[in-house]
């Protein structure tokens, strides 16, 4: 299982929804292209959804 994942919100969201990324053992999640995510509303919403999903199952995961 992956402990460190680096990616943009779109692929990360797909990996979680298709059960390709198990968030229970995830230690660190790094959002790639963070400046664009904050500038565009769609990416910001996706990022918040991903963080809430991870927090639900794994409160010790660090999101950068």
PDB file of N, CA and C in Angstrom:
ATOM      1  N   UNK A   1       0.829  -1.193   0.000  1.00  0.00           N
ATOM      2  CA  UNK A   1       0.000   0.000   0.000  1.00  0.00           C
ATOM      3  C   UNK A   1       0.868   1.248   0.000  1.00  0.00           C
ATOM      4  N   UNK A   2       0.396   2.273  -0.678  1.00  0.00           N
ATOM      5  CA  UNK A   2       1.116   3.543  -0.741  1.00  0.00           C
ATOM      6  C   UNK A   2       1.036   4.266   0.596  1.00  0.00           C
ATOM      7  N   UNK A   3       2.151   4.825   1.031  1.00  0.00           N
ATOM      8  CA  UNK A   3       2.163   5.618   2.246  1.00  0.00           C
ATOM      9  C   UNK A   3       2.310   7.105   1.933  1.00  0.00           C
ATOM     10  N   UNK A   4       2.920   7.413   0.783  1.00  0.00           N
ATOM     11  CA  UNK A   4       3.076   8.790   0.341  1.00  0.00           C
ATOM     12  C   UNK A   4       2.528   8.873  -1.081  1.00  0.00           C
ATOM     13  N   UNK A   5       1.616   9.805  -1.313  1.00  0.00           N
ATOM     14  CA  UNK A   5       1.021   9.974  -2.644  1.00  0.00           C
ATOM     15  C   UNK A   5       1.157  11.430  -3.046  1.00  0.00           C
ATOM     16  N   UNK A   6       1.615  11.643  -4.288  1.00  0.00           N
ATOM     17  CA  UNK A   6       1.735  12.986  -4.848  1.00  0.00           C
ATOM     18  C   UNK A   6       0.912  13.012  -6.128  1.00  0.00           C
ATOM     19  N   UNK A   7      -0.008  13.961  -6.234  1.00  0.00           N
ATOM     20  CA  UNK A   7      -0.827  14.037  -7.435  1.00  0.00           C
ATOM     21  C   UNK A   7      -1.756  15.229  -7.408  1.00  0.00           C
ATOM     22  N   UNK A   8      -2.385  15.493  -8.533  1.00  0.00           N
ATOM     23  CA  UNK A   8      -3.364  16.572  -8.606  1.00  0.00           C
ATOM     24  C   UNK A   8      -4.735  16.023  -8.194  1.00  0.00           C
ATOM     25  N   UNK A   9      -5.663  16.891  -7.826  1.00  0.00           N
ATOM     26  CA  UNK A   9      -6.939  16.447  -7.272  1.00  0.00           C
ATOM     27  C   UNK A   9      -7.746  15.492  -8.158  1.00  0.00           C
ATOM     28  N   UNK A  10      -7.736  15.721  -9.467  1.00  0.00           N
ATOM     29  CA  UNK A  10      -8.523  14.871 -10.369  1.00  0.00           C
ATOM     30  C   UNK A  10      -8.159  13.399 -10.270  1.00  0.00           C
ATOM     31  N   UNK A  11      -6.896  13.052 -10.530  1.00  0.00           N
ATOM     32  CA  UNK A  11      -6.503  11.646 -10.428  1.00  0.00           C
ATOM     33  C   UNK A  11      -6.655  11.075  -9.016  1.00  0.00           C
ATOM     34  N   UNK A  12      -6.342  11.853  -8.002  1.00  0.00           N
ATOM     35  CA  UNK A  12      -6.476  11.356  -6.633  1.00  0.00           C
ATOM     36  C   UNK A  12      -7.934  11.026  -6.336  1.00  0.00           C
ATOM     37  N   UNK A  13      -8.834  11.912  -6.757  1.00  0.00           N
ATOM     38  CA  UNK A  13     -10.271  11.685  -6.560  1.00  0.00           C
ATOM     39  C   UNK A  13     -10.721  10.397  -7.260  1.00  0.00           C
ATOM     40  N   UNK A  14     -10.250  10.182  -8.488  1.00  0.00           N
ATOM     41  CA  UNK A  14     -10.588   8.958  -9.232  1.00  0.00           C
ATOM     42  C   UNK A  14     -10.040   7.723  -8.544  1.00  0.00           C
ATOM     43  N   UNK A  15      -8.782   7.781  -8.086  1.00  0.00           N
ATOM     44  CA  UNK A  15      -8.165   6.628  -7.420  1.00  0.00           C
ATOM     45  C   UNK A  15      -8.946   6.239  -6.173  1.00  0.00           C
ATOM     46  N   UNK A  16      -9.393   7.239  -5.419  1.00  0.00           N
ATOM     47  CA  UNK A  16     -10.168   6.955  -4.200  1.00  0.00           C
ATOM     48  C   UNK A  16     -11.518   6.366  -4.562  1.00  0.00           C
ATOM     49  N   UNK A  17     -12.214   6.963  -5.537  1.00  0.00           N
ATOM     50  CA  UNK A  17     -13.559   6.484  -5.889  1.00  0.00           C
ATOM     51  C   UNK A  17     -13.537   5.093  -6.519  1.00  0.00           C
ATOM     52  N   UNK A  18     -12.477   4.751  -7.237  1.00  0.00           N
ATOM     53  CA  UNK A  18     -12.370   3.415  -7.843  1.00  0.00           C
ATOM     54  C   UNK A  18     -11.665   2.411  -6.934  1.00  0.00           C
ATOM     55  N   UNK A  19     -11.427   2.845  -5.673  1.00  0.00           N
ATOM     56  CA  UNK A  19     -10.792   1.977  -4.661  1.00  0.00           C
ATOM     57  C   UNK A  19      -9.384   1.528  -5.077  1.00  0.00           C
ATOM     58  N   UNK A  20      -8.696   2.378  -5.828  1.00  0.00           N
ATOM     59  CA  UNK A  20      -7.311   2.106  -6.226  1.00  0.00           C
ATOM     60  C   UNK A  20      -6.319   2.707  -5.242  1.00  0.00           C
ATOM     61  N   UNK A  21      -6.808   3.590  -4.376  1.00  0.00           N
ATOM     62  CA  UNK A  21      -5.971   4.224  -3.375  1.00  0.00           C
ATOM     63  C   UNK A  21      -6.629   4.009  -2.016  1.00  0.00           C
ATOM     64  N   UNK A  22      -5.990   3.220  -1.182  1.00  0.00           N
ATOM     65  CA  UNK A  22      -6.500   2.966   0.167  1.00  0.00           C
ATOM     66  C   UNK A  22      -6.017   4.078   1.085  1.00  0.00           C
ATOM     67  N   UNK A  23      -6.942   4.869   1.585  1.00  0.00           N
ATOM     68  CA  UNK A  23      -6.555   6.019   2.397  1.00  0.00           C
ATOM     69  C   UNK A  23      -6.287   5.654   3.856  1.00  0.00           C
ATOM     70  N   UNK A  24      -6.619   4.457   4.259  1.00  0.00           N
ATOM     71  CA  UNK A  24      -6.454   4.089   5.667  1.00  0.00           C
ATOM     72  C   UNK A  24      -4.992   4.010   6.090  1.00  0.00           C
ATOM     73  N   UNK A  25      -4.092   3.668   5.185  1.00  0.00           N
ATOM     74  CA  UNK A  25      -2.667   3.568   5.520  1.00  0.00           C
ATOM     75  C   UNK A  25      -1.832   4.726   4.990  1.00  0.00           C
ATOM     76  N   UNK A  26      -2.486   5.678   4.393  1.00  0.00           N
ATOM     77  CA  UNK A  26      -1.799   6.820   3.805  1.00  0.00           C
ATOM     78  C   UNK A  26      -1.200   7.690   4.905  1.00  0.00           C
ATOM     79  N   UNK A  27       0.074   8.021   4.782  1.00  0.00           N
ATOM     80  CA  UNK A  27       0.766   8.853   5.769  1.00  0.00           C
ATOM     81  C   UNK A  27       0.828  10.315   5.324  1.00  0.00           C
ATOM     82  N   UNK A  28       1.162  10.525   4.035  1.00  0.00           N
ATOM     83  CA  UNK A  28       1.326  11.886   3.515  1.00  0.00           C
ATOM     84  C   UNK A  28       0.688  11.974   2.133  1.00  0.00           C
ATOM     85  N   UNK A  29      -0.121  13.001   1.936  1.00  0.00           N
ATOM     86  CA  UNK A  29      -0.707  13.293   0.631  1.00  0.00           C
ATOM     87  C   UNK A  29      -0.231  14.677   0.214  1.00  0.00           C
ATOM     88  N   UNK A  30       0.401  14.766  -0.958  1.00  0.00           N
ATOM     89  CA  UNK A  30       0.890  16.044  -1.477  1.00  0.00           C
ATOM     90  C   UNK A  30       0.079  16.383  -2.721  1.00  0.00           C
ATOM     91  N   UNK A  31      -0.635  17.511  -2.662  1.00  0.00           N
ATOM     92  CA  UNK A  31      -1.385  17.975  -3.828  1.00  0.00           C
ATOM     93  C   UNK A  31      -0.426  18.682  -4.769  1.00  0.00           C
ATOM     94  N   UNK A  32      -0.328  18.214  -5.991  1.00  0.00           N
ATOM     95  CA  UNK A  32       0.493  18.839  -7.015  1.00  0.00           C
ATOM     96  C   UNK A  32      -0.283  20.022  -7.587  1.00  0.00           C
ATOM     97  N   UNK A  33       0.414  21.035  -8.027  1.00  0.00           N
ATOM     98  CA  UNK A  33      -0.187  22.225  -8.638  1.00  0.00           C
ATOM     99  C   UNK A  33      -1.145  22.931  -7.682  1.00  0.00           C
ATOM    100  N   UNK A  34      -0.737  23.091  -6.434  1.00  0.00           N
ATOM    101  CA  UNK A  34      -1.586  23.695  -5.406  1.00  0.00           C
ATOM    102  C   UNK A  34      -1.987  25.126  -5.748  1.00  0.00           C
ATOM    103  N   UNK A  35      -1.107  25.872  -6.404  1.00  0.00           N
ATOM    104  CA  UNK A  35      -1.439  27.251  -6.747  1.00  0.00           C
ATOM    105  C   UNK A  35      -2.630  27.321  -7.697  1.00  0.00           C
ATOM    106  N   UNK A  36      -2.696  26.397  -8.659  1.00  0.00           N
ATOM    107  CA  UNK A  36      -3.833  26.372  -9.580  1.00  0.00           C
ATOM    108  C   UNK A  36      -5.106  25.903  -8.882  1.00  0.00           C
ATOM    109  N   UNK A  37      -4.964  24.966  -7.942  1.00  0.00           N
ATOM    110  CA  UNK A  37      -6.137  24.459  -7.238  1.00  0.00           C
ATOM    111  C   UNK A  37      -6.824  25.574  -6.467  1.00  0.00           C
ATOM    112  N   UNK A  38      -6.052  26.420  -5.824  1.00  0.00           N
ATOM    113  CA  UNK A  38      -6.637  27.482  -5.039  1.00  0.00           C
ATOM    114  C   UNK A  38      -7.209  28.590  -5.923  1.00  0.00           C
ATOM    115  N   UNK A  39      -6.670  28.759  -7.112  1.00  0.00           N
ATOM    116  CA  UNK A  39      -7.140  29.804  -8.023  1.00  0.00           C
ATOM    117  C   UNK A  39      -8.442  29.410  -8.726  1.00  0.00           C
ATOM    118  N   UNK A  40      -8.668  28.137  -8.917  1.00  0.00           N
ATOM    119  CA  UNK A  40      -9.848  27.676  -9.644  1.00  0.00           C
ATOM    120  C   UNK A  40     -10.814  27.000  -8.686  1.00  0.00           C
ATOM    121  N   UNK A  41     -12.068  27.417  -8.731  1.00  0.00           N
ATOM    122  CA  UNK A  41     -13.071  26.919  -7.784  1.00  0.00           C
ATOM    123  C   UNK A  41     -13.250  25.420  -7.827  1.00  0.00           C
ATOM    124  N   UNK A  42     -13.277  24.810  -8.997  1.00  0.00           N
ATOM    125  CA  UNK A  42     -13.501  23.371  -9.104  1.00  0.00           C
ATOM    126  C   UNK A  42     -12.436  22.561  -8.397  1.00  0.00           C
ATOM    127  N   UNK A  43     -11.194  22.963  -8.559  1.00  0.00           N
ATOM    128  CA  UNK A  43     -10.094  22.243  -7.899  1.00  0.00           C
ATOM    129  C   UNK A  43     -10.165  22.410  -6.386  1.00  0.00           C
ATOM    130  N   UNK A  44     -10.541  23.595  -5.944  1.00  0.00           N
ATOM    131  CA  UNK A  44     -10.633  23.843  -4.504  1.00  0.00           C
ATOM    132  C   UNK A  44     -11.687  22.923  -3.888  1.00  0.00           C
ATOM    133  N   UNK A  45     -12.849  22.813  -4.528  1.00  0.00           N
ATOM    134  CA  UNK A  45     -13.913  21.940  -4.026  1.00  0.00           C
ATOM    135  C   UNK A  45     -13.464  20.485  -3.989  1.00  0.00           C
ATOM    136  N   UNK A  46     -12.803  20.032  -5.058  1.00  0.00           N
ATOM    137  CA  UNK A  46     -12.299  18.659  -5.103  1.00  0.00           C
ATOM    138  C   UNK A  46     -11.292  18.414  -3.991  1.00  0.00           C
ATOM    139  N   UNK A  47     -10.414  19.377  -3.778  1.00  0.00           N
ATOM    140  CA  UNK A  47      -9.393  19.232  -2.739  1.00  0.00           C
ATOM    141  C   UNK A  47     -10.029  19.093  -1.361  1.00  0.00           C
ATOM    142  N   UNK A  48     -11.029  19.903  -1.091  1.00  0.00           N
ATOM    143  CA  UNK A  48     -11.700  19.830   0.206  1.00  0.00           C
ATOM    144  C   UNK A  48     -12.425  18.500   0.382  1.00  0.00           C
ATOM    145  N   UNK A  49     -13.067  18.016  -0.686  1.00  0.00           N
ATOM    146  CA  UNK A  49     -13.744  16.711  -0.617  1.00  0.00           C
ATOM    147  C   UNK A  49     -12.755  15.584  -0.351  1.00  0.00           C
ATOM    148  N   UNK A  50     -11.632  15.627  -1.020  1.00  0.00           N
ATOM    149  CA  UNK A  50     -10.601  14.597  -0.829  1.00  0.00           C
ATOM    150  C   UNK A  50     -10.092  14.630   0.604  1.00  0.00           C
ATOM    151  N   UNK A  51      -9.825  15.821   1.117  1.00  0.00           N
ATOM    152  CA  UNK A  51      -9.308  15.925   2.481  1.00  0.00           C
ATOM    153  C   UNK A  51     -10.325  15.423   3.504  1.00  0.00           C
ATOM    154  N   UNK A  52     -11.603  15.710   3.299  1.00  0.00           N
ATOM    155  CA  UNK A  52     -12.648  15.221   4.213  1.00  0.00           C
ATOM    156  C   UNK A  52     -12.759  13.706   4.149  1.00  0.00           C
ATOM    157  N   UNK A  53     -12.653  13.147   2.952  1.00  0.00           N
ATOM    158  CA  UNK A  53     -12.722  11.693   2.775  1.00  0.00           C
ATOM    159  C   UNK A  53     -11.568  11.010   3.511  1.00  0.00           C
ATOM    160  N   UNK A  54     -10.384  11.562   3.370  1.00  0.00           N
ATOM    161  CA  UNK A  54      -9.224  10.982   4.038  1.00  0.00           C
ATOM    162  C   UNK A  54      -9.353  11.126   5.552  1.00  0.00           C
ATOM    163  N   UNK A  55      -9.799  12.282   6.011  1.00  0.00           N
ATOM    164  CA  UNK A  55      -9.934  12.516   7.451  1.00  0.00           C
ATOM    165  C   UNK A  55     -10.946  11.554   8.082  1.00  0.00           C
ATOM    166  N   UNK A  56     -11.969  11.179   7.320  1.00  0.00           N
ATOM    167  CA  UNK A  56     -12.988  10.267   7.824  1.00  0.00           C
ATOM    168  C   UNK A  56     -12.388   8.904   8.190  1.00  0.00           C
ATOM    169  N   UNK A  57     -11.443   8.434   7.401  1.00  0.00           N
ATOM    170  CA  UNK A  57     -10.860   7.106   7.593  1.00  0.00           C
ATOM    171  C   UNK A  57      -9.467   7.115   8.218  1.00  0.00           C
ATOM    172  N   UNK A  58      -8.790   8.272   8.150  1.00  0.00           N
ATOM    173  CA  UNK A  58      -7.392   8.305   8.591  1.00  0.00           C
ATOM    174  C   UNK A  58      -7.066   9.722   9.066  1.00  0.00           C
ATOM    175  N   UNK A  59      -7.286   9.992  10.332  1.00  0.00           N
ATOM    176  CA  UNK A  59      -7.077  11.346  10.847  1.00  0.00           C
ATOM    177  C   UNK A  59      -5.608  11.702  11.014  1.00  0.00           C
ATOM    178  N   UNK A  60      -4.719  10.739  10.894  1.00  0.00           N
ATOM    179  CA  UNK A  60      -3.279  11.022  11.078  1.00  0.00           C
ATOM    180  C   UNK A  60      -2.560  11.354   9.775  1.00  0.00           C
ATOM    181  N   UNK A  61      -3.257  11.330   8.654  1.00  0.00           N
ATOM    182  CA  UNK A  61      -2.636  11.628   7.356  1.00  0.00           C
ATOM    183  C   UNK A  61      -2.308  13.116   7.260  1.00  0.00           C
ATOM    184  N   UNK A  62      -1.097  13.427   6.832  1.00  0.00           N
ATOM    185  CA  UNK A  62      -0.674  14.807   6.644  1.00  0.00           C
ATOM    186  C   UNK A  62      -0.917  15.204   5.196  1.00  0.00           C
ATOM    187  N   UNK A  63      -1.635  16.292   4.986  1.00  0.00           N
ATOM    188  CA  UNK A  63      -1.924  16.778   3.634  1.00  0.00           C
ATOM    189  C   UNK A  63      -1.123  18.041   3.396  1.00  0.00           C
ATOM    190  N   UNK A  64      -0.337  18.019   2.315  1.00  0.00           N
ATOM    191  CA  UNK A  64       0.514  19.170   1.969  1.00  0.00           C
ATOM    192  C   UNK A  64       0.120  19.715   0.613  1.00  0.00           C
TER     193      UNK A  64
END
